[in-house]
């Protein structure tokens, strides 16, 4: 727990310090590109109803978006997860390379993309160092509709011998934001939730998960905010079967920091 709290304090300091030096225009921002980053510190690593690590994890990400145009926008991202100390048998180190294309229609957004996953802790069947997987996805989002619903379909075509999932995941997301002011600062109470269906992705059965999360978004500096969160994950179907997925209902907490350059 001490390491968990120290990491949270360190991330807040680094982000706040960086916000001062990043105000000037750079090559990317002058060309219309958007650069953003985020860091999540979580008490456990939950992913689509599956607990990948029971230890606290830190999960940084950085993203570059192309300028807005009539042809849509491209996003490139790099995201990582590392456990802060290893007190269980689970090893969840992960690095994701993300490509996304999104086209904004007047009433909805359409996205397609690809993610390449690296798992340095996995030993593939051929004896090589580190595992990997690949996933394509497509989604529809309705940001101007109540609860901002979205529907995404993910298909993992990585072979299990290499560390891949060889299955699909379909999810419906929803979110709601309640703005409020405290001592003149603009804050918000944010609610998120999803219901997902897992078709043999990373395990042998069919089931899924539902989850809900709540947090308070707090501005720290220009373009920098943090959000402490509490979340609850509920697996269903064979994902919760002791003979198959063997997942349980779980509460977990986190701190999410986001910054845009």
C-alpha atoms as a PDB file:
ATOM      1  CA  UNK A   1       0.000   0.000   0.000  1.00  0.00           C
ATOM      2  CA  UNK A   2       2.895   2.382   0.753  1.00  0.00           C
ATOM      3  CA  UNK A   3       4.283   1.908  -2.771  1.00  0.00           C
ATOM      4  CA  UNK A   4       0.788   2.450  -4.181  1.00  0.00           C
ATOM      5  CA  UNK A   5       0.387   5.806  -2.406  1.00  0.00           C
ATOM      6  CA  UNK A   6       3.933   6.925  -3.285  1.00  0.00           C
ATOM      7  CA  UNK A   7       3.302   6.208  -6.969  1.00  0.00           C
ATOM      8  CA  UNK A   8       0.083   8.232  -6.905  1.00  0.00           C
ATOM      9  CA  UNK A   9       1.854  11.203  -5.295  1.00  0.00           C
ATOM     10  CA  UNK A  10       4.749  10.959  -7.746  1.00  0.00           C
ATOM     11  CA  UNK A  11       2.492  10.901 -10.808  1.00  0.00           C
ATOM     12  CA  UNK A  12       0.565  13.961  -9.614  1.00  0.00           C
ATOM     13  CA  UNK A  13       3.841  15.862  -9.089  1.00  0.00           C
ATOM     14  CA  UNK A  14       5.289  14.934 -12.470  1.00  0.00           C
ATOM     15  CA  UNK A  15       2.091  15.795 -14.354  1.00  0.00           C
ATOM     16  CA  UNK A  16       1.679  19.106 -12.567  1.00  0.00           C
ATOM     17  CA  UNK A  17       5.335  20.001 -13.178  1.00  0.00           C
ATOM     18  CA  UNK A  18       5.054  19.044 -16.856  1.00  0.00           C
ATOM     19  CA  UNK A  19       2.026  21.260 -17.335  1.00  0.00           C
ATOM     20  CA  UNK A  20       4.161  24.360 -16.861  1.00  0.00           C
ATOM     21  CA  UNK A  21       6.813  23.527 -19.449  1.00  0.00           C
ATOM     22  CA  UNK A  22       4.432  22.262 -22.151  1.00  0.00           C
ATOM     23  CA  UNK A  23       2.457  25.437 -22.731  1.00  0.00           C
ATOM     24  CA  UNK A  24       4.428  26.682 -25.728  1.00  0.00           C
ATOM     25  CA  UNK A  25       3.477  25.623 -29.222  1.00  0.00           C
ATOM     26  CA  UNK A  26       5.414  22.737 -30.739  1.00  0.00           C
ATOM     27  CA  UNK A  27       5.769  21.136 -34.155  1.00  0.00           C
ATOM     28  CA  UNK A  28       2.799  18.790 -33.740  1.00  0.00           C
ATOM     29  CA  UNK A  29       0.414  21.304 -32.193  1.00  0.00           C
ATOM     30  CA  UNK A  30       1.288  23.940 -34.801  1.00  0.00           C
ATOM     31  CA  UNK A  31       0.370  21.428 -37.507  1.00  0.00           C
ATOM     32  CA  UNK A  32      -3.013  20.735 -35.906  1.00  0.00           C
ATOM     33  CA  UNK A  33      -2.135  17.423 -34.245  1.00  0.00           C
ATOM     34  CA  UNK A  34      -3.405  16.701 -30.739  1.00  0.00           C
ATOM     35  CA  UNK A  35      -1.197  14.978 -28.202  1.00  0.00           C
ATOM     36  CA  UNK A  36      -2.618  13.665 -24.957  1.00  0.00           C
ATOM     37  CA  UNK A  37      -1.553  11.348 -22.183  1.00  0.00           C
ATOM     38  CA  UNK A  38      -3.033   9.571 -19.219  1.00  0.00           C
ATOM     39  CA  UNK A  39      -1.906   7.522 -16.248  1.00  0.00           C
ATOM     40  CA  UNK A  40      -4.049   5.167 -14.195  1.00  0.00           C
ATOM     41  CA  UNK A  41      -2.996   3.719 -10.877  1.00  0.00           C
ATOM     42  CA  UNK A  42      -5.354   0.883  -9.925  1.00  0.00           C
ATOM     43  CA  UNK A  43      -5.590  -1.413  -6.903  1.00  0.00           C
ATOM     44  CA  UNK A  44      -5.879  -4.428  -9.269  1.00  0.00           C
ATOM     45  CA  UNK A  45      -5.862  -4.976 -13.035  1.00  0.00           C
ATOM     46  CA  UNK A  46      -9.381  -5.779 -14.246  1.00  0.00           C
ATOM     47  CA  UNK A  47      -9.927  -6.318 -17.978  1.00  0.00           C
ATOM     48  CA  UNK A  48     -13.285  -7.253 -19.487  1.00  0.00           C
ATOM     49  CA  UNK A  49     -14.391  -8.990 -16.292  1.00  0.00           C
ATOM     50  CA  UNK A  50     -11.114 -10.902 -15.857  1.00  0.00           C
ATOM     51  CA  UNK A  51      -8.667 -10.078 -13.058  1.00  0.00           C
ATOM     52  CA  UNK A  52      -5.258 -10.108 -14.732  1.00  0.00           C
ATOM     53  CA  UNK A  53      -3.349  -9.006 -11.628  1.00  0.00           C
ATOM     54  CA  UNK A  54      -4.264  -8.847  -7.933  1.00  0.00           C
ATOM     55  CA  UNK A  55      -1.417  -6.408  -7.236  1.00  0.00           C
ATOM     56  CA  UNK A  56      -1.609  -2.628  -7.717  1.00  0.00           C
ATOM     57  CA  UNK A  57      -0.690  -1.600 -11.267  1.00  0.00           C
ATOM     58  CA  UNK A  58       0.352   1.602 -13.030  1.00  0.00           C
ATOM     59  CA  UNK A  59      -0.918   2.108 -16.583  1.00  0.00           C
ATOM     60  CA  UNK A  60       0.441   5.055 -18.627  1.00  0.00           C
ATOM     61  CA  UNK A  61      -0.623   5.923 -22.159  1.00  0.00           C
ATOM     62  CA  UNK A  62       0.187   8.533 -24.806  1.00  0.00           C
ATOM     63  CA  UNK A  63      -1.857   9.304 -27.940  1.00  0.00           C
ATOM     64  CA  UNK A  64      -1.445  11.416 -31.096  1.00  0.00           C
ATOM     65  CA  UNK A  65      -4.490  12.431 -33.156  1.00  0.00           C
ATOM     66  CA  UNK A  66      -4.356  13.831 -36.659  1.00  0.00           C
ATOM     67  CA  UNK A  67      -6.027  17.186 -37.437  1.00  0.00           C
ATOM     68  CA  UNK A  68      -9.803  17.248 -37.922  1.00  0.00           C
ATOM     69  CA  UNK A  69     -10.786  16.895 -41.569  1.00  0.00           C
ATOM     70  CA  UNK A  70     -13.650  15.853 -43.806  1.00  0.00           C
ATOM     71  CA  UNK A  71     -11.894  12.481 -44.192  1.00  0.00           C
ATOM     72  CA  UNK A  72     -11.970  11.628 -40.494  1.00  0.00           C
ATOM     73  CA  UNK A  73      -9.167  11.363 -37.956  1.00  0.00           C
ATOM     74  CA  UNK A  74      -6.406   8.885 -37.221  1.00  0.00           C
ATOM     75  CA  UNK A  75      -5.135   8.151 -33.721  1.00  0.00           C
ATOM     76  CA  UNK A  76      -1.913   6.386 -32.773  1.00  0.00           C
ATOM     77  CA  UNK A  77      -1.450   5.248 -29.198  1.00  0.00           C
ATOM     78  CA  UNK A  78       0.992   3.520 -26.886  1.00  0.00           C
ATOM     79  CA  UNK A  79      -0.371   2.063 -23.634  1.00  0.00           C
ATOM     80  CA  UNK A  80       1.338   0.022 -20.941  1.00  0.00           C
ATOM     81  CA  UNK A  81       0.511  -1.838 -17.732  1.00  0.00           C
ATOM     82  CA  UNK A  82       3.055  -2.801 -15.095  1.00  0.00           C
ATOM     83  CA  UNK A  83       2.500  -4.179 -11.615  1.00  0.00           C
ATOM     84  CA  UNK A  84       4.024  -2.090  -8.836  1.00  0.00           C
ATOM     85  CA  UNK A  85       5.123  -5.119  -6.841  1.00  0.00           C
ATOM     86  CA  UNK A  86       4.540  -8.833  -7.311  1.00  0.00           C
ATOM     87  CA  UNK A  87       2.931 -10.529  -4.315  1.00  0.00           C
ATOM     88  CA  UNK A  88       0.764 -13.001  -6.238  1.00  0.00           C
ATOM     89  CA  UNK A  89       1.382 -15.600  -8.931  1.00  0.00           C
ATOM     90  CA  UNK A  90      -0.068 -13.375 -11.683  1.00  0.00           C
ATOM     91  CA  UNK A  91       2.239 -11.530 -14.078  1.00  0.00           C
ATOM     92  CA  UNK A  92       0.439  -8.967 -16.201  1.00  0.00           C
ATOM     93  CA  UNK A  93       3.091  -6.798 -17.880  1.00  0.00           C
ATOM     94  CA  UNK A  94       1.658  -5.514 -21.158  1.00  0.00           C
ATOM     95  CA  UNK A  95       2.419  -3.020 -23.926  1.00  0.00           C
ATOM     96  CA  UNK A  96      -0.238  -2.096 -26.503  1.00  0.00           C
ATOM     97  CA  UNK A  97       0.294  -0.391 -29.873  1.00  0.00           C
ATOM     98  CA  UNK A  98      -2.974   1.163 -31.060  1.00  0.00           C
ATOM     99  CA  UNK A  99      -4.183   2.386 -34.453  1.00  0.00           C
ATOM    100  CA  UNK A 100      -7.648   3.954 -34.715  1.00  0.00           C
ATOM    101  CA  UNK A 101      -9.574   5.628 -37.530  1.00  0.00           C
ATOM    102  CA  UNK A 102     -12.754   7.538 -36.648  1.00  0.00           C
ATOM    103  CA  UNK A 103     -15.230   9.333 -38.903  1.00  0.00           C
ATOM    104  CA  UNK A 104     -17.666  11.752 -37.319  1.00  0.00           C
ATOM    105  CA  UNK A 105     -21.161  11.815 -38.812  1.00  0.00           C
ATOM    106  CA  UNK A 106     -23.687  14.426 -37.582  1.00  0.00           C
ATOM    107  CA  UNK A 107     -25.391  11.945 -35.248  1.00  0.00           C
ATOM    108  CA  UNK A 108     -22.773   9.239 -34.600  1.00  0.00           C
ATOM    109  CA  UNK A 109     -19.081   8.381 -34.738  1.00  0.00           C
ATOM    110  CA  UNK A 110     -17.808   5.293 -36.557  1.00  0.00           C
ATOM    111  CA  UNK A 111     -14.452   3.767 -35.598  1.00  0.00           C
ATOM    112  CA  UNK A 112     -12.277   0.914 -36.805  1.00  0.00           C
ATOM    113  CA  UNK A 113      -8.885  -0.007 -35.492  1.00  0.00           C
ATOM    114  CA  UNK A 114      -6.199  -2.496 -34.609  1.00  0.00           C
ATOM    115  CA  UNK A 115      -4.239  -3.224 -31.420  1.00  0.00           C
ATOM    116  CA  UNK A 116      -1.001  -5.175 -31.191  1.00  0.00           C
ATOM    117  CA  UNK A 117      -0.389  -6.585 -27.689  1.00  0.00           C
ATOM    118  CA  UNK A 118       2.985  -7.521 -26.245  1.00  0.00           C
ATOM    119  CA  UNK A 119       3.145  -9.724 -23.110  1.00  0.00           C
ATOM    120  CA  UNK A 120       6.769  -9.895 -21.910  1.00  0.00           C
ATOM    121  CA  UNK A 121       5.919 -12.265 -19.016  1.00  0.00           C
ATOM    122  CA  UNK A 122       4.341 -14.953 -21.225  1.00  0.00           C
ATOM    123  CA  UNK A 123       6.409 -17.851 -22.530  1.00  0.00           C
ATOM    124  CA  UNK A 124       4.976 -19.030 -25.897  1.00  0.00           C
ATOM    125  CA  UNK A 125       4.803 -22.733 -26.779  1.00  0.00           C
ATOM    126  CA  UNK A 126       7.776 -22.461 -29.153  1.00  0.00           C
ATOM    127  CA  UNK A 127      10.053 -21.377 -26.289  1.00  0.00           C
ATOM    128  CA  UNK A 128      10.600 -17.812 -27.508  1.00  0.00           C
ATOM    129  CA  UNK A 129      10.758 -14.864 -25.119  1.00  0.00           C
ATOM    130  CA  UNK A 130       7.529 -12.954 -24.589  1.00  0.00           C
ATOM    131  CA  UNK A 131       4.047 -13.433 -25.994  1.00  0.00           C
ATOM    132  CA  UNK A 132       1.871 -11.323 -28.263  1.00  0.00           C
ATOM    133  CA  UNK A 133      -1.583 -11.011 -29.749  1.00  0.00           C
ATOM    134  CA  UNK A 134      -3.474  -8.967 -32.351  1.00  0.00           C
ATOM    135  CA  UNK A 135      -6.989  -7.583 -32.277  1.00  0.00           C
ATOM    136  CA  UNK A 136      -9.181  -5.707 -34.747  1.00  0.00           C
ATOM    137  CA  UNK A 137     -12.271  -3.763 -33.712  1.00  0.00           C
ATOM    138  CA  UNK A 138     -15.169  -1.702 -35.000  1.00  0.00           C
ATOM    139  CA  UNK A 139     -17.525   0.548 -33.092  1.00  0.00           C
ATOM    140  CA  UNK A 140     -20.422   2.982 -33.165  1.00  0.00           C
ATOM    141  CA  UNK A 141     -20.681   5.840 -30.672  1.00  0.00           C
ATOM    142  CA  UNK A 142     -23.492   8.317 -30.054  1.00  0.00           C
ATOM    143  CA  UNK A 143     -21.864  11.118 -28.020  1.00  0.00           C
ATOM    144  CA  UNK A 144     -24.794  13.522 -28.427  1.00  0.00           C
ATOM    145  CA  UNK A 145     -27.390  11.047 -27.085  1.00  0.00           C
ATOM    146  CA  UNK A 146     -28.320  10.655 -23.410  1.00  0.00           C
ATOM    147  CA  UNK A 147     -25.791   8.392 -21.627  1.00  0.00           C
ATOM    148  CA  UNK A 148     -23.424   8.615 -24.635  1.00  0.00           C
ATOM    149  CA  UNK A 149     -23.991   4.962 -25.611  1.00  0.00           C
ATOM    150  CA  UNK A 150     -21.528   3.061 -27.767  1.00  0.00           C
ATOM    151  CA  UNK A 151     -21.270  -0.447 -29.197  1.00  0.00           C
ATOM    152  CA  UNK A 152     -17.918  -2.103 -29.967  1.00  0.00           C
ATOM    153  CA  UNK A 153     -16.938  -5.472 -31.390  1.00  0.00           C
ATOM    154  CA  UNK A 154     -13.394  -6.799 -30.831  1.00  0.00           C
ATOM    155  CA  UNK A 155     -11.948  -9.837 -32.576  1.00  0.00           C
ATOM    156  CA  UNK A 156      -8.669 -11.241 -31.300  1.00  0.00           C
ATOM    157  CA  UNK A 157      -6.993 -13.326 -34.004  1.00  0.00           C
ATOM    158  CA  UNK A 158      -3.799 -14.063 -32.084  1.00  0.00           C
ATOM    159  CA  UNK A 159      -3.019 -17.749 -31.590  1.00  0.00           C
ATOM    160  CA  UNK A 160      -3.182 -19.056 -28.030  1.00  0.00           C
ATOM    161  CA  UNK A 161       0.223 -20.714 -28.464  1.00  0.00           C
ATOM    162  CA  UNK A 162       1.693 -17.228 -28.944  1.00  0.00           C
ATOM    163  CA  UNK A 163      -0.272 -15.672 -26.064  1.00  0.00           C
ATOM    164  CA  UNK A 164      -3.280 -14.605 -28.129  1.00  0.00           C
ATOM    165  CA  UNK A 165      -6.969 -14.667 -27.296  1.00  0.00           C
ATOM    166  CA  UNK A 166      -8.538 -16.369 -30.335  1.00  0.00           C
ATOM    167  CA  UNK A 167     -12.021 -15.078 -29.561  1.00  0.00           C
ATOM    168  CA  UNK A 168     -14.298 -12.056 -29.603  1.00  0.00           C
ATOM    169  CA  UNK A 169     -15.697  -9.525 -27.171  1.00  0.00           C
ATOM    170  CA  UNK A 170     -18.784  -7.371 -27.755  1.00  0.00           C
ATOM    171  CA  UNK A 171     -19.577  -4.533 -25.380  1.00  0.00           C
ATOM    172  CA  UNK A 172     -22.183  -1.810 -24.837  1.00  0.00           C
ATOM    173  CA  UNK A 173     -20.873   1.235 -22.958  1.00  0.00           C
ATOM    174  CA  UNK A 174     -22.668   4.121 -21.281  1.00  0.00           C
ATOM    175  CA  UNK A 175     -21.538   7.233 -19.418  1.00  0.00           C
ATOM    176  CA  UNK A 176     -23.120  10.163 -17.615  1.00  0.00           C
ATOM    177  CA  UNK A 177     -21.520  13.365 -16.357  1.00  0.00           C
ATOM    178  CA  UNK A 178     -22.949  15.664 -13.670  1.00  0.00           C
ATOM    179  CA  UNK A 179     -21.056  19.000 -13.566  1.00  0.00           C
ATOM    180  CA  UNK A 180     -20.853  20.990 -10.327  1.00  0.00           C
ATOM    181  CA  UNK A 181     -18.739  23.730  -8.774  1.00  0.00           C
ATOM    182  CA  UNK A 182     -16.781  23.678  -5.545  1.00  0.00           C
ATOM    183  CA  UNK A 183     -15.179  26.908  -4.304  1.00  0.00           C
ATOM    184  CA  UNK A 184     -15.261  28.257  -7.851  1.00  0.00           C
ATOM    185  CA  UNK A 185     -13.664  25.197  -9.474  1.00  0.00           C
ATOM    186  CA  UNK A 186     -15.529  23.281 -12.183  1.00  0.00           C
ATOM    187  CA  UNK A 187     -15.736  19.609 -11.186  1.00  0.00           C
ATOM    188  CA  UNK A 188     -17.901  16.746 -12.355  1.00  0.00           C
ATOM    189  CA  UNK A 189     -19.305  13.520 -10.967  1.00  0.00           C
ATOM    190  CA  UNK A 190     -18.809  10.881 -13.656  1.00  0.00           C
ATOM    191  CA  UNK A 191     -20.609   7.553 -13.972  1.00  0.00           C
ATOM    192  CA  UNK A 192     -19.601   4.837 -16.446  1.00  0.00           C
ATOM    193  CA  UNK A 193     -20.826   1.318 -17.083  1.00  0.00           C
ATOM    194  CA  UNK A 194     -20.737  -1.501 -19.576  1.00  0.00           C
ATOM    195  CA  UNK A 195     -22.140  -4.923 -20.363  1.00  0.00           C
ATOM    196  CA  UNK A 196     -19.899  -7.228 -22.372  1.00  0.00           C
ATOM    197  CA  UNK A 197     -20.158 -10.655 -23.985  1.00  0.00           C
ATOM    198  CA  UNK A 198     -17.039 -12.802 -24.226  1.00  0.00           C
ATOM    199  CA  UNK A 199     -16.967 -15.540 -26.868  1.00  0.00           C
ATOM    200  CA  UNK A 200     -13.976 -17.728 -25.918  1.00  0.00           C
ATOM    201  CA  UNK A 201     -11.503 -14.855 -25.742  1.00  0.00           C
ATOM    202  CA  UNK A 202      -8.633 -15.952 -23.468  1.00  0.00           C
ATOM    203  CA  UNK A 203     -10.705 -18.778 -22.005  1.00  0.00           C
ATOM    204  CA  UNK A 204     -12.747 -21.720 -23.250  1.00  0.00           C
ATOM    205  CA  UNK A 205     -16.339 -20.713 -22.570  1.00  0.00           C
ATOM    206  CA  UNK A 206     -18.964 -18.121 -23.313  1.00  0.00           C
ATOM    207  CA  UNK A 207     -20.043 -15.547 -20.763  1.00  0.00           C
ATOM    208  CA  UNK A 208     -19.387 -11.930 -20.017  1.00  0.00           C
ATOM    209  CA  UNK A 209     -19.247  -9.162 -17.492  1.00  0.00           C
ATOM    210  CA  UNK A 210     -21.012  -6.055 -16.309  1.00  0.00           C
ATOM    211  CA  UNK A 211     -19.279  -3.202 -14.538  1.00  0.00           C
ATOM    212  CA  UNK A 212     -20.022   0.222 -13.119  1.00  0.00           C
ATOM    213  CA  UNK A 213     -17.670   2.952 -12.007  1.00  0.00           C
ATOM    214  CA  UNK A 214     -17.957   6.353 -10.362  1.00  0.00           C
ATOM    215  CA  UNK A 215     -15.445   9.152  -9.962  1.00  0.00           C
ATOM    216  CA  UNK A 216     -15.015  12.868  -9.371  1.00  0.00           C
ATOM    217  CA  UNK A 217     -13.099  14.725 -12.056  1.00  0.00           C
ATOM    218  CA  UNK A 218     -10.878  17.403 -10.457  1.00  0.00           C
ATOM    219  CA  UNK A 219      -8.919  20.071 -12.386  1.00  0.00           C
ATOM    220  CA  UNK A 220      -5.317  20.350 -11.169  1.00  0.00           C
ATOM    221  CA  UNK A 221      -3.782  22.719 -13.721  1.00  0.00           C
ATOM    222  CA  UNK A 222      -4.315  23.897 -17.276  1.00  0.00           C
ATOM    223  CA  UNK A 223      -5.148  20.795 -19.384  1.00  0.00           C
ATOM    224  CA  UNK A 224      -4.464  18.515 -16.405  1.00  0.00           C
ATOM    225  CA  UNK A 225      -7.104  16.722 -14.355  1.00  0.00           C
ATOM    226  CA  UNK A 226      -7.339  13.776 -11.998  1.00  0.00           C
ATOM    227  CA  UNK A 227     -10.182  11.463 -11.110  1.00  0.00           C
ATOM    228  CA  UNK A 228     -10.294   9.128  -8.106  1.00  0.00           C
ATOM    229  CA  UNK A 229     -12.615   6.229  -8.919  1.00  0.00           C
ATOM    230  CA  UNK A 230     -14.364   3.267  -7.359  1.00  0.00           C
ATOM    231  CA  UNK A 231     -15.511   0.391  -9.542  1.00  0.00           C
ATOM    232  CA  UNK A 232     -17.452  -2.856  -9.311  1.00  0.00           C
ATOM    233  CA  UNK A 233     -17.087  -5.772 -11.738  1.00  0.00           C
ATOM    234  CA  UNK A 234     -19.629  -8.589 -12.046  1.00  0.00           C
ATOM    235  CA  UNK A 235     -18.871 -11.639 -14.273  1.00  0.00           C
ATOM    236  CA  UNK A 236     -21.706 -13.792 -15.602  1.00  0.00           C
ATOM    237  CA  UNK A 237     -22.175 -16.998 -17.564  1.00  0.00           C
ATOM    238  CA  UNK A 238     -19.256 -19.395 -17.796  1.00  0.00           C
ATOM    239  CA  UNK A 239     -16.836 -16.574 -16.960  1.00  0.00           C
ATOM    240  CA  UNK A 240     -17.964 -16.981 -13.337  1.00  0.00           C
ATOM    241  CA  UNK A 241     -17.974 -20.801 -13.480  1.00  0.00           C
ATOM    242  CA  UNK A 242     -15.391 -22.306 -11.093  1.00  0.00           C
ATOM    243  CA  UNK A 243     -14.637 -24.995 -13.681  1.00  0.00           C
ATOM    244  CA  UNK A 244     -14.013 -22.462 -16.447  1.00  0.00           C
ATOM    245  CA  UNK A 245     -13.361 -18.727 -16.058  1.00  0.00           C
ATOM    246  CA  UNK A 246     -13.587 -18.786 -12.236  1.00  0.00           C
ATOM    247  CA  UNK A 247     -13.964 -15.005 -11.939  1.00  0.00           C
ATOM    248  CA  UNK A 248     -15.614 -13.295  -8.959  1.00  0.00           C
ATOM    249  CA  UNK A 249     -17.454 -10.067  -8.197  1.00  0.00           C
ATOM    250  CA  UNK A 250     -14.879  -7.454  -7.227  1.00  0.00           C
ATOM    251  CA  UNK A 251     -14.622  -3.881  -5.995  1.00  0.00           C
ATOM    252  CA  UNK A 252     -11.476  -1.993  -6.973  1.00  0.00           C
ATOM    253  CA  UNK A 253     -10.254   1.585  -6.772  1.00  0.00           C
ATOM    254  CA  UNK A 254      -8.096   3.769  -8.950  1.00  0.00           C
ATOM    255  CA  UNK A 255      -6.743   7.204  -9.720  1.00  0.00           C
ATOM    256  CA  UNK A 256      -6.895   8.431 -13.312  1.00  0.00           C
ATOM    257  CA  UNK A 257      -4.872  11.433 -14.506  1.00  0.00           C
ATOM    258  CA  UNK A 258      -5.226  12.923 -17.981  1.00  0.00           C
ATOM    259  CA  UNK A 259      -3.273  15.644 -19.759  1.00  0.00           C
ATOM    260  CA  UNK A 260      -3.537  17.232 -23.200  1.00  0.00           C
ATOM    261  CA  UNK A 261      -0.669  19.132 -24.784  1.00  0.00           C
END
